[in-house]
Structure formats: C-alpha cells, structure tokens
Amino acid sequence: MWGGRPTCHDGDLYKERNTVERLINKLKAWRGIATRYDKTPESYLAGLHLRASMIWINDLLKATG
C-alpha cells in the first residue's frame, strides 16, 4: 500500500521532529531570515547564529525565571 497513514507510530521520533519544526518556525519568524535579505552565505549564516542565540538566551531566561 502506497501513501496514507503509517502503520506504526514512534512517539519519541515525533517529539524530536516537532521540536525541530518549532525551532525552524521561530527562526523564520525573524524577517531577515525568512526573506533572506542577506546577499552572501556568510552574512545569512551569521543571521542564523544571531537568531538562534537570541532564542537560546530567551529559553534560558524563561527556565531560570
């Protein structure tokens, strides 16, 4: 049978996938990354690092606060 619903469900794999997808959505919420204004790969990667750092710091502050 092709396509359709999988016959088995791996809950742990789904949780990991969901975590990654939510992080990607947080990254894309930053306009510079979503629209790719940066012209060079280096500046785009720097923007990704900056946004990921901001997300990480916010998560740390929420966990300690």
N, C-alpha and C. Protein backbone atom coordinates (compact mmCIF):
# COMPACT_ATOMS: atom_id res chain seq x y z
N MET A 1 0.84 -1.18 0.00
CA MET A 1 0.00 0.00 0.00
C MET A 1 0.89 1.24 0.00
N TRP A 2 0.63 2.18 -0.88
CA TRP A 2 1.43 3.39 -1.01
C TRP A 2 0.73 4.57 -0.36
N GLY A 3 1.53 5.41 0.30
CA GLY A 3 0.97 6.62 0.90
C GLY A 3 0.08 6.30 2.09
N GLY A 4 -0.72 7.26 2.47
CA GLY A 4 -1.63 7.05 3.57
C GLY A 4 -0.95 7.13 4.92
N ARG A 5 -1.66 6.68 5.90
CA ARG A 5 -1.18 6.74 7.29
C ARG A 5 -0.20 5.61 7.58
N PRO A 6 0.88 5.90 8.31
CA PRO A 6 1.84 4.84 8.64
C PRO A 6 1.20 3.80 9.56
N THR A 7 1.65 2.58 9.46
CA THR A 7 1.07 1.50 10.26
C THR A 7 1.55 1.54 11.71
N CYS A 8 2.70 2.14 11.97
CA CYS A 8 3.18 2.24 13.34
C CYS A 8 3.55 3.69 13.63
N HIS A 9 3.57 4.04 14.91
CA HIS A 9 3.84 5.42 15.31
C HIS A 9 4.93 5.40 16.36
N ASP A 10 6.00 6.15 16.10
CA ASP A 10 7.10 6.27 17.04
C ASP A 10 6.96 7.61 17.75
N GLY A 11 6.47 7.58 18.97
CA GLY A 11 6.20 8.80 19.73
C GLY A 11 7.44 9.63 19.99
N ASP A 12 8.56 8.99 20.31
CA ASP A 12 9.80 9.72 20.58
C ASP A 12 10.30 10.44 19.33
N LEU A 13 10.25 9.75 18.19
CA LEU A 13 10.67 10.37 16.94
C LEU A 13 9.78 11.56 16.60
N TYR A 14 8.47 11.43 16.85
CA TYR A 14 7.55 12.53 16.59
C TYR A 14 7.87 13.73 17.47
N LYS A 15 8.19 13.51 18.74
CA LYS A 15 8.53 14.61 19.65
C LYS A 15 9.77 15.35 19.17
N GLU A 16 10.78 14.60 18.73
CA GLU A 16 12.00 15.23 18.23
C GLU A 16 11.73 16.04 16.97
N ARG A 17 10.94 15.47 16.08
CA ARG A 17 10.61 16.16 14.83
C ARG A 17 9.83 17.44 15.12
N ASN A 18 8.90 17.35 16.05
CA ASN A 18 8.09 18.51 16.41
C ASN A 18 8.98 19.61 17.00
N THR A 19 9.94 19.25 17.82
CA THR A 19 10.86 20.23 18.41
C THR A 19 11.65 20.95 17.33
N VAL A 20 12.16 20.20 16.38
CA VAL A 20 12.94 20.79 15.28
C VAL A 20 12.06 21.70 14.44
N GLU A 21 10.85 21.28 14.12
CA GLU A 21 9.96 22.09 13.30
C GLU A 21 9.59 23.40 14.01
N ARG A 22 9.37 23.34 15.32
CA ARG A 22 9.03 24.55 16.06
C ARG A 22 10.22 25.51 16.10
N LEU A 23 11.44 24.98 16.21
CA LEU A 23 12.62 25.85 16.18
C LEU A 23 12.77 26.52 14.82
N ILE A 24 12.55 25.78 13.76
CA ILE A 24 12.64 26.36 12.41
C ILE A 24 11.61 27.47 12.25
N ASN A 25 10.41 27.27 12.79
CA ASN A 25 9.39 28.31 12.71
C ASN A 25 9.80 29.54 13.51
N LYS A 26 10.46 29.36 14.65
CA LYS A 26 10.96 30.51 15.42
C LYS A 26 12.03 31.25 14.64
N LEU A 27 12.89 30.51 13.96
CA LEU A 27 13.92 31.16 13.15
C LEU A 27 13.29 31.95 12.01
N LYS A 28 12.30 31.37 11.36
CA LYS A 28 11.67 32.03 10.23
C LYS A 28 10.84 33.24 10.64
N ALA A 29 10.47 33.31 11.92
CA ALA A 29 9.69 34.46 12.39
C ALA A 29 10.51 35.74 12.33
N TRP A 30 11.80 35.61 12.27
CA TRP A 30 12.68 36.78 12.13
C TRP A 30 12.72 37.13 10.65
N ARG A 31 12.29 38.32 10.31
CA ARG A 31 12.08 38.71 8.91
C ARG A 31 13.32 38.57 8.03
N GLY A 32 14.47 38.91 8.57
CA GLY A 32 15.70 38.84 7.78
C GLY A 32 16.04 37.43 7.32
N ILE A 33 15.68 36.46 8.13
CA ILE A 33 15.95 35.07 7.76
C ILE A 33 14.86 34.54 6.84
N ALA A 34 13.62 34.89 7.13
CA ALA A 34 12.50 34.38 6.33
C ALA A 34 12.57 34.87 4.89
N THR A 35 13.01 36.12 4.69
CA THR A 35 13.03 36.69 3.34
C THR A 35 14.40 36.62 2.69
N ARG A 36 15.40 36.25 3.47
CA ARG A 36 16.78 36.12 3.01
C ARG A 36 17.28 37.40 2.35
N TYR A 37 17.25 38.48 3.14
CA TYR A 37 17.75 39.76 2.66
C TYR A 37 19.26 39.75 2.47
N ASP A 38 19.96 38.96 3.28
CA ASP A 38 21.42 38.93 3.20
C ASP A 38 21.85 38.33 1.87
N LYS A 39 22.81 38.96 1.25
CA LYS A 39 23.22 38.55 -0.09
C LYS A 39 24.29 37.46 -0.10
N THR A 40 25.09 37.41 0.94
CA THR A 40 26.16 36.41 0.95
C THR A 40 25.83 35.28 1.92
N PRO A 41 26.30 34.09 1.65
CA PRO A 41 26.06 32.97 2.57
C PRO A 41 26.61 33.23 3.97
N GLU A 42 27.72 33.95 4.04
CA GLU A 42 28.33 34.23 5.34
C GLU A 42 27.43 35.12 6.20
N SER A 43 26.87 36.16 5.59
CA SER A 43 26.02 37.06 6.36
C SER A 43 24.69 36.38 6.73
N TYR A 44 24.19 35.52 5.86
CA TYR A 44 22.97 34.77 6.18
C TYR A 44 23.22 33.82 7.34
N LEU A 45 24.36 33.14 7.32
CA LEU A 45 24.72 32.23 8.41
C LEU A 45 24.92 32.99 9.71
N ALA A 46 25.50 34.17 9.64
CA ALA A 46 25.67 35.00 10.83
C ALA A 46 24.31 35.39 11.40
N GLY A 47 23.35 35.69 10.54
CA GLY A 47 22.00 35.99 10.99
C GLY A 47 21.34 34.80 11.66
N LEU A 48 21.56 33.61 11.09
CA LEU A 48 21.02 32.40 11.71
C LEU A 48 21.62 32.19 13.10
N HIS A 49 22.91 32.38 13.22
CA HIS A 49 23.57 32.22 14.52
C HIS A 49 23.06 33.25 15.52
N LEU A 50 22.89 34.47 15.08
CA LEU A 50 22.39 35.52 15.96
C LEU A 50 20.99 35.19 16.45
N ARG A 51 20.11 34.82 15.54
CA ARG A 51 18.73 34.50 15.92
C ARG A 51 18.68 33.27 16.82
N ALA A 52 19.47 32.25 16.53
CA ALA A 52 19.49 31.05 17.37
C ALA A 52 19.99 31.40 18.77
N SER A 53 20.97 32.28 18.85
CA SER A 53 21.47 32.71 20.16
C SER A 53 20.40 33.46 20.94
N MET A 54 19.65 34.30 20.25
CA MET A 54 18.57 35.04 20.91
C MET A 54 17.50 34.08 21.44
N ILE A 55 17.15 33.08 20.66
CA ILE A 55 16.16 32.10 21.09
C ILE A 55 16.67 31.32 22.30
N TRP A 56 17.94 30.92 22.24
CA TRP A 56 18.55 30.15 23.33
C TRP A 56 18.57 30.97 24.62
N ILE A 57 18.96 32.24 24.53
CA ILE A 57 19.01 33.09 25.71
C ILE A 57 17.61 33.28 26.29
N ASN A 58 16.62 33.51 25.44
CA ASN A 58 15.24 33.65 25.93
C ASN A 58 14.76 32.40 26.63
N ASP A 59 15.09 31.24 26.07
CA ASP A 59 14.70 29.99 26.71
C ASP A 59 15.39 29.81 28.06
N LEU A 60 16.66 30.20 28.15
CA LEU A 60 17.37 30.13 29.44
C LEU A 60 16.74 31.06 30.47
N LEU A 61 16.37 32.26 30.06
CA LEU A 61 15.76 33.21 30.98
C LEU A 61 14.40 32.72 31.47
N LYS A 62 13.64 32.08 30.59
CA LYS A 62 12.33 31.53 30.99
C LYS A 62 12.51 30.38 31.98
N ALA A 63 13.55 29.57 31.79
CA ALA A 63 13.78 28.42 32.66
C ALA A 63 14.24 28.84 34.05
N THR A 64 14.99 29.93 34.14
CA THR A 64 15.51 30.36 35.44
C THR A 64 14.58 31.35 36.13
N GLY A 65 13.66 31.94 35.40
CA GLY A 65 12.80 32.98 35.96
C GLY A 65 11.52 32.52 36.49
